[in-house]
């Protein structure tokens, strides 16, 4: 019994970080398209820099984009 609980905990620990790091869905991209162009245009085509820029500008983002950024750990 203990080994199955431990296995479940290990699986959860490895799956959750992967989910948080997954890329945005097409709907999420649409929610942030305007904000990305407005605040982070120089980072288009550079996902790590774009993500950092959106996080840095989170207080200026539209509600929809802010929710996307927060759902991806920002």
PDB file of N, CA and C in Angstrom:
ATOM      1  N   UNK A   1       0.830  -1.201   0.000  1.00  0.00           N
ATOM      2  CA  UNK A   1       0.000   0.000   0.000  1.00  0.00           C
ATOM      3  C   UNK A   1       0.867   1.255   0.000  1.00  0.00           C
ATOM      4  N   UNK A   2       1.908   1.286   0.832  1.00  0.00           N
ATOM      5  CA  UNK A   2       2.762   2.467   0.889  1.00  0.00           C
ATOM      6  C   UNK A   2       3.449   2.723  -0.442  1.00  0.00           C
ATOM      7  N   UNK A   3       3.851   1.667  -1.126  1.00  0.00           N
ATOM      8  CA  UNK A   3       4.551   1.863  -2.390  1.00  0.00           C
ATOM      9  C   UNK A   3       3.624   2.452  -3.452  1.00  0.00           C
ATOM     10  N   UNK A   4       2.351   2.100  -3.447  1.00  0.00           N
ATOM     11  CA  UNK A   4       1.435   2.668  -4.441  1.00  0.00           C
ATOM     12  C   UNK A   4       1.170   4.140  -4.147  1.00  0.00           C
ATOM     13  N   UNK A   5       1.105   4.519  -2.873  1.00  0.00           N
ATOM     14  CA  UNK A   5       0.918   5.927  -2.505  1.00  0.00           C
ATOM     15  C   UNK A   5       2.156   6.724  -2.897  1.00  0.00           C
ATOM     16  N   UNK A   6       3.334   6.165  -2.625  1.00  0.00           N
ATOM     17  CA  UNK A   6       4.576   6.836  -2.992  1.00  0.00           C
ATOM     18  C   UNK A   6       4.670   6.993  -4.510  1.00  0.00           C
ATOM     19  N   UNK A   7       4.297   5.970  -5.240  1.00  0.00           N
ATOM     20  CA  UNK A   7       4.332   6.041  -6.701  1.00  0.00           C
ATOM     21  C   UNK A   7       3.378   7.128  -7.202  1.00  0.00           C
ATOM     22  N   UNK A   8       2.211   7.230  -6.621  1.00  0.00           N
ATOM     23  CA  UNK A   8       1.239   8.248  -7.023  1.00  0.00           C
ATOM     24  C   UNK A   8       1.769   9.655  -6.731  1.00  0.00           C
ATOM     25  N   UNK A   9       2.414   9.822  -5.586  1.00  0.00           N
ATOM     26  CA  UNK A   9       2.983  11.121  -5.241  1.00  0.00           C
ATOM     27  C   UNK A   9       4.111  11.511  -6.195  1.00  0.00           C
ATOM     28  N   UNK A  10       4.958  10.553  -6.525  1.00  0.00           N
ATOM     29  CA  UNK A  10       6.053  10.828  -7.453  1.00  0.00           C
ATOM     30  C   UNK A  10       5.522  11.186  -8.833  1.00  0.00           C
ATOM     31  N   UNK A  11       4.498  10.492  -9.284  1.00  0.00           N
ATOM     32  CA  UNK A  11       3.909  10.772 -10.584  1.00  0.00           C
ATOM     33  C   UNK A  11       3.314  12.178 -10.600  1.00  0.00           C
ATOM     34  N   UNK A  12       2.600  12.541  -9.548  1.00  0.00           N
ATOM     35  CA  UNK A  12       2.001  13.870  -9.458  1.00  0.00           C
ATOM     36  C   UNK A  12       3.080  14.941  -9.460  1.00  0.00           C
ATOM     37  N   UNK A  13       4.156  14.708  -8.738  1.00  0.00           N
ATOM     38  CA  UNK A  13       5.232  15.699  -8.656  1.00  0.00           C
ATOM     39  C   UNK A  13       5.909  15.904 -10.005  1.00  0.00           C
ATOM     40  N   UNK A  14       5.949  14.877 -10.826  1.00  0.00           N
ATOM     41  CA  UNK A  14       6.597  15.037 -12.129  1.00  0.00           C
ATOM     42  C   UNK A  14       5.649  15.575 -13.184  1.00  0.00           C
ATOM     43  N   UNK A  15       4.359  15.347 -13.051  1.00  0.00           N
ATOM     44  CA  UNK A  15       3.399  15.805 -14.045  1.00  0.00           C
ATOM     45  C   UNK A  15       3.059  17.282 -13.859  1.00  0.00           C
ATOM     46  N   UNK A  16       2.870  17.746 -12.646  1.00  0.00           N
ATOM     47  CA  UNK A  16       2.443  19.116 -12.417  1.00  0.00           C
ATOM     48  C   UNK A  16       3.431  20.152 -12.951  1.00  0.00           C
ATOM     49  N   UNK A  17       4.727  20.034 -12.681  1.00  0.00           N
ATOM     50  CA  UNK A  17       5.631  21.029 -13.257  1.00  0.00           C
ATOM     51  C   UNK A  17       5.617  21.019 -14.786  1.00  0.00           C
ATOM     52  N   UNK A  18       5.462  19.867 -15.373  1.00  0.00           N
ATOM     53  CA  UNK A  18       5.423  19.792 -16.838  1.00  0.00           C
ATOM     54  C   UNK A  18       4.201  20.527 -17.365  1.00  0.00           C
ATOM     55  N   UNK A  19       3.083  20.409 -16.676  1.00  0.00           N
ATOM     56  CA  UNK A  19       1.871  21.103 -17.099  1.00  0.00           C
ATOM     57  C   UNK A  19       2.053  22.606 -16.997  1.00  0.00           C
ATOM     58  N   UNK A  20       2.662  23.070 -15.924  1.00  0.00           N
ATOM     59  CA  UNK A  20       2.856  24.503 -15.739  1.00  0.00           C
ATOM     60  C   UNK A  20       3.785  25.075 -16.802  1.00  0.00           C
ATOM     61  N   UNK A  21       4.678  24.268 -17.345  1.00  0.00           N
ATOM     62  CA  UNK A  21       5.640  24.740 -18.321  1.00  0.00           C
ATOM     63  C   UNK A  21       5.170  24.549 -19.756  1.00  0.00           C
ATOM     64  N   UNK A  22       4.007  23.940 -19.952  1.00  0.00           N
ATOM     65  CA  UNK A  22       3.545  23.706 -21.315  1.00  0.00           C
ATOM     66  C   UNK A  22       3.254  25.034 -22.003  1.00  0.00           C
ATOM     67  N   UNK A  23       3.342  25.018 -23.306  1.00  0.00           N
ATOM     68  CA  UNK A  23       3.119  26.234 -24.068  1.00  0.00           C
ATOM     69  C   UNK A  23       1.662  26.643 -24.068  1.00  0.00           C
ATOM     70  N   UNK A  24       1.394  27.860 -24.501  1.00  0.00           N
ATOM     71  CA  UNK A  24       0.013  28.347 -24.518  1.00  0.00           C
ATOM     72  C   UNK A  24      -0.812  27.672 -25.610  1.00  0.00           C
ATOM     73  N   UNK A  25      -2.090  27.510 -25.331  1.00  0.00           N
ATOM     74  CA  UNK A  25      -3.015  26.975 -26.321  1.00  0.00           C
ATOM     75  C   UNK A  25      -3.311  28.073 -27.344  1.00  0.00           C
ATOM     76  N   UNK A  26      -3.898  27.719 -28.463  1.00  0.00           N
ATOM     77  CA  UNK A  26      -4.284  28.762 -29.431  1.00  0.00           C
ATOM     78  C   UNK A  26      -5.219  29.810 -28.814  1.00  0.00           C
ATOM     79  N   UNK A  27      -6.112  29.393 -27.937  1.00  0.00           N
ATOM     80  CA  UNK A  27      -7.025  30.338 -27.282  1.00  0.00           C
ATOM     81  C   UNK A  27      -6.254  31.291 -26.371  1.00  0.00           C
ATOM     82  N   UNK A  28      -5.261  30.754 -25.667  1.00  0.00           N
ATOM     83  CA  UNK A  28      -4.439  31.593 -24.795  1.00  0.00           C
ATOM     84  C   UNK A  28      -3.610  32.574 -25.612  1.00  0.00           C
ATOM     85  N   UNK A  29      -3.107  32.117 -26.744  1.00  0.00           N
ATOM     86  CA  UNK A  29      -2.341  33.001 -27.614  1.00  0.00           C
ATOM     87  C   UNK A  29      -3.216  34.149 -28.108  1.00  0.00           C
ATOM     88  N   UNK A  30      -4.458  33.837 -28.461  1.00  0.00           N
ATOM     89  CA  UNK A  30      -5.384  34.872 -28.922  1.00  0.00           C
ATOM     90  C   UNK A  30      -5.679  35.873 -27.804  1.00  0.00           C
ATOM     91  N   UNK A  31      -5.798  35.380 -26.570  1.00  0.00           N
ATOM     92  CA  UNK A  31      -6.094  36.263 -25.440  1.00  0.00           C
ATOM     93  C   UNK A  31      -4.968  37.259 -25.202  1.00  0.00           C
ATOM     94  N   UNK A  32      -3.745  36.883 -25.576  1.00  0.00           N
ATOM     95  CA  UNK A  32      -2.587  37.743 -25.318  1.00  0.00           C
ATOM     96  C   UNK A  32      -2.022  38.415 -26.564  1.00  0.00           C
ATOM     97  N   UNK A  33      -2.593  38.150 -27.707  1.00  0.00           N
ATOM     98  CA  UNK A  33      -2.017  38.674 -28.950  1.00  0.00           C
ATOM     99  C   UNK A  33      -1.874  40.192 -28.921  1.00  0.00           C
ATOM    100  N   UNK A  34      -2.915  40.897 -28.570  1.00  0.00           N
ATOM    101  CA  UNK A  34      -2.879  42.361 -28.554  1.00  0.00           C
ATOM    102  C   UNK A  34      -1.867  42.876 -27.529  1.00  0.00           C
ATOM    103  N   UNK A  35      -1.897  42.296 -26.326  1.00  0.00           N
ATOM    104  CA  UNK A  35      -0.963  42.723 -25.279  1.00  0.00           C
ATOM    105  C   UNK A  35       0.477  42.423 -25.666  1.00  0.00           C
ATOM    106  N   UNK A  36       0.709  41.273 -26.283  1.00  0.00           N
ATOM    107  CA  UNK A  36       2.062  40.912 -26.702  1.00  0.00           C
ATOM    108  C   UNK A  36       2.577  41.906 -27.733  1.00  0.00           C
ATOM    109  N   UNK A  37       1.730  42.295 -28.670  1.00  0.00           N
ATOM    110  CA  UNK A  37       2.138  43.273 -29.682  1.00  0.00           C
ATOM    111  C   UNK A  37       2.373  44.652 -29.076  1.00  0.00           C
ATOM    112  N   UNK A  38       1.559  44.993 -28.111  1.00  0.00           N
ATOM    113  CA  UNK A  38       1.634  46.317 -27.503  1.00  0.00           C
ATOM    114  C   UNK A  38       2.840  46.474 -26.577  1.00  0.00           C
ATOM    115  N   UNK A  39       3.094  45.470 -25.732  1.00  0.00           N
ATOM    116  CA  UNK A  39       4.120  45.607 -24.700  1.00  0.00           C
ATOM    117  C   UNK A  39       5.420  44.857 -24.988  1.00  0.00           C
ATOM    118  N   UNK A  40       5.366  43.850 -25.854  1.00  0.00           N
ATOM    119  CA  UNK A  40       6.523  42.957 -26.003  1.00  0.00           C
ATOM    120  C   UNK A  40       6.835  42.623 -27.454  1.00  0.00           C
ATOM    121  N   UNK A  41       6.554  43.522 -28.369  1.00  0.00           N
ATOM    122  CA  UNK A  41       6.711  43.234 -29.797  1.00  0.00           C
ATOM    123  C   UNK A  41       8.115  42.774 -30.162  1.00  0.00           C
ATOM    124  N   UNK A  42       9.114  43.287 -29.468  1.00  0.00           N
ATOM    125  CA  UNK A  42      10.492  42.912 -29.799  1.00  0.00           C
ATOM    126  C   UNK A  42      10.814  41.460 -29.465  1.00  0.00           C
ATOM    127  N   UNK A  43       9.905  40.790 -28.742  1.00  0.00           N
ATOM    128  CA  UNK A  43      10.140  39.400 -28.345  1.00  0.00           C
ATOM    129  C   UNK A  43       9.285  38.393 -29.116  1.00  0.00           C
ATOM    130  N   UNK A  44       8.550  38.847 -30.133  1.00  0.00           N
ATOM    131  CA  UNK A  44       7.733  37.938 -30.933  1.00  0.00           C
ATOM    132  C   UNK A  44       8.655  36.922 -31.601  1.00  0.00           C
ATOM    133  N   UNK A  45       8.294  35.650 -31.485  1.00  0.00           N
ATOM    134  CA  UNK A  45       9.104  34.572 -32.032  1.00  0.00           C
ATOM    135  C   UNK A  45      10.163  34.052 -31.070  1.00  0.00           C
ATOM    136  N   UNK A  46      10.208  34.613 -29.860  1.00  0.00           N
ATOM    137  CA  UNK A  46      11.168  34.202 -28.832  1.00  0.00           C
ATOM    138  C   UNK A  46      10.390  33.882 -27.558  1.00  0.00           C
ATOM    139  N   UNK A  47       9.828  32.671 -27.462  1.00  0.00           N
ATOM    140  CA  UNK A  47       8.940  32.346 -26.348  1.00  0.00           C
ATOM    141  C   UNK A  47       9.487  32.640 -24.947  1.00  0.00           C
ATOM    142  N   UNK A  48      10.724  32.281 -24.607  1.00  0.00           N
ATOM    143  CA  UNK A  48      11.174  32.573 -23.240  1.00  0.00           C
ATOM    144  C   UNK A  48      11.195  34.075 -22.929  1.00  0.00           C
ATOM    145  N   UNK A  49      11.658  34.868 -23.888  1.00  0.00           N
ATOM    146  CA  UNK A  49      11.700  36.309 -23.680  1.00  0.00           C
ATOM    147  C   UNK A  49      10.297  36.908 -23.648  1.00  0.00           C
ATOM    148  N   UNK A  50       9.400  36.396 -24.505  1.00  0.00           N
ATOM    149  CA  UNK A  50       8.023  36.870 -24.519  1.00  0.00           C
ATOM    150  C   UNK A  50       7.346  36.583 -23.179  1.00  0.00           C
ATOM    151  N   UNK A  51       7.525  35.376 -22.679  1.00  0.00           N
ATOM    152  CA  UNK A  51       6.921  35.016 -21.392  1.00  0.00           C
ATOM    153  C   UNK A  51       7.432  35.929 -20.286  1.00  0.00           C
ATOM    154  N   UNK A  52       8.731  36.180 -20.274  1.00  0.00           N
ATOM    155  CA  UNK A  52       9.312  37.057 -19.248  1.00  0.00           C
ATOM    156  C   UNK A  52       8.758  38.472 -19.381  1.00  0.00           C
ATOM    157  N   UNK A  53       8.642  38.961 -20.601  1.00  0.00           N
ATOM    158  CA  UNK A  53       8.119  40.305 -20.835  1.00  0.00           C
ATOM    159  C   UNK A  53       6.663  40.419 -20.376  1.00  0.00           C
ATOM    160  N   UNK A  54       5.852  39.425 -20.705  1.00  0.00           N
ATOM    161  CA  UNK A  54       4.452  39.455 -20.273  1.00  0.00           C
ATOM    162  C   UNK A  54       4.348  39.415 -18.750  1.00  0.00           C
ATOM    163  N   UNK A  55       5.186  38.609 -18.112  1.00  0.00           N
ATOM    164  CA  UNK A  55       5.187  38.577 -16.640  1.00  0.00           C
ATOM    165  C   UNK A  55       5.572  39.944 -16.076  1.00  0.00           C
ATOM    166  N   UNK A  56       6.586  40.578 -16.666  1.00  0.00           N
ATOM    167  CA  UNK A  56       7.034  41.892 -16.195  1.00  0.00           C
ATOM    168  C   UNK A  56       5.951  42.958 -16.366  1.00  0.00           C
ATOM    169  N   UNK A  57       5.104  42.787 -17.356  1.00  0.00           N
ATOM    170  CA  UNK A  57       4.051  43.769 -17.646  1.00  0.00           C
ATOM    171  C   UNK A  57       2.673  43.318 -17.174  1.00  0.00           C
ATOM    172  N   UNK A  58       2.632  42.352 -16.279  1.00  0.00           N
ATOM    173  CA  UNK A  58       1.369  41.727 -15.889  1.00  0.00           C
ATOM    174  C   UNK A  58       0.321  42.740 -15.431  1.00  0.00           C
ATOM    175  N   UNK A  59       0.723  43.768 -14.716  1.00  0.00           N
ATOM    176  CA  UNK A  59      -0.265  44.735 -14.218  1.00  0.00           C
ATOM    177  C   UNK A  59      -0.895  45.557 -15.340  1.00  0.00           C
ATOM    178  N   UNK A  60      -0.259  45.603 -16.505  1.00  0.00           N
ATOM    179  CA  UNK A  60      -0.771  46.382 -17.641  1.00  0.00           C
ATOM    180  C   UNK A  60      -1.612  45.541 -18.590  1.00  0.00           C
ATOM    181  N   UNK A  61      -1.609  44.223 -18.422  1.00  0.00           N
ATOM    182  CA  UNK A  61      -2.262  43.321 -19.369  1.00  0.00           C
ATOM    183  C   UNK A  61      -3.777  43.336 -19.223  1.00  0.00           C
ATOM    184  N   UNK A  62      -4.447  42.944 -20.281  1.00  0.00           N
ATOM    185  CA  UNK A  62      -5.898  42.751 -20.224  1.00  0.00           C
ATOM    186  C   UNK A  62      -6.199  41.617 -19.247  1.00  0.00           C
ATOM    187  N   UNK A  63      -7.432  41.583 -18.764  1.00  0.00           N
ATOM    188  CA  UNK A  63      -7.801  40.538 -17.797  1.00  0.00           C
ATOM    189  C   UNK A  63      -7.559  39.142 -18.352  1.00  0.00           C
ATOM    190  N   UNK A  64      -7.948  38.916 -19.602  1.00  0.00           N
ATOM    191  CA  UNK A  64      -7.788  37.590 -20.199  1.00  0.00           C
ATOM    192  C   UNK A  64      -6.337  37.175 -20.296  1.00  0.00           C
ATOM    193  N   UNK A  65      -5.491  38.071 -20.722  1.00  0.00           N
ATOM    194  CA  UNK A  65      -4.068  37.748 -20.852  1.00  0.00           C
ATOM    195  C   UNK A  65      -3.431  37.573 -19.483  1.00  0.00           C
ATOM    196  N   UNK A  66      -3.813  38.407 -18.535  1.00  0.00           N
ATOM    197  CA  UNK A  66      -3.271  38.274 -17.173  1.00  0.00           C
ATOM    198  C   UNK A  66      -3.588  36.889 -16.611  1.00  0.00           C
ATOM    199  N   UNK A  67      -4.786  36.405 -16.854  1.00  0.00           N
ATOM    200  CA  UNK A  67      -5.159  35.060 -16.387  1.00  0.00           C
ATOM    201  C   UNK A  67      -4.299  33.990 -17.047  1.00  0.00           C
ATOM    202  N   UNK A  68      -4.009  34.167 -18.334  1.00  0.00           N
ATOM    203  CA  UNK A  68      -3.145  33.218 -19.045  1.00  0.00           C
ATOM    204  C   UNK A  68      -1.759  33.222 -18.432  1.00  0.00           C
ATOM    205  N   UNK A  69      -1.208  34.400 -18.221  1.00  0.00           N
ATOM    206  CA  UNK A  69       0.143  34.511 -17.644  1.00  0.00           C
ATOM    207  C   UNK A  69       0.177  33.861 -16.273  1.00  0.00           C
ATOM    208  N   UNK A  70      -0.824  34.140 -15.452  1.00  0.00           N
ATOM    209  CA  UNK A  70      -0.875  33.558 -14.103  1.00  0.00           C
ATOM    210  C   UNK A  70      -1.034  32.041 -14.162  1.00  0.00           C
ATOM    211  N   UNK A  71      -1.775  31.540 -15.126  1.00  0.00           N
ATOM    212  CA  UNK A  71      -1.967  30.082 -15.222  1.00  0.00           C
ATOM    213  C   UNK A  71      -0.696  29.363 -15.645  1.00  0.00           C
ATOM    214  N   UNK A  72       0.252  30.120 -16.198  1.00  0.00           N
ATOM    215  CA  UNK A  72       1.540  29.545 -16.614  1.00  0.00           C
ATOM    216  C   UNK A  72       2.656  29.926 -15.662  1.00  0.00           C
ATOM    217  N   UNK A  73       2.276  30.256 -14.437  1.00  0.00           N
ATOM    218  CA  UNK A  73       3.269  30.508 -13.401  1.00  0.00           C
ATOM    219  C   UNK A  73       3.763  31.936 -13.291  1.00  0.00           C
ATOM    220  N   UNK A  74       3.093  32.861 -13.939  1.00  0.00           N
ATOM    221  CA  UNK A  74       3.553  34.255 -13.923  1.00  0.00           C
ATOM    222  C   UNK A  74       2.880  35.125 -12.933  1.00  0.00           C
TER     223      UNK A  74
END
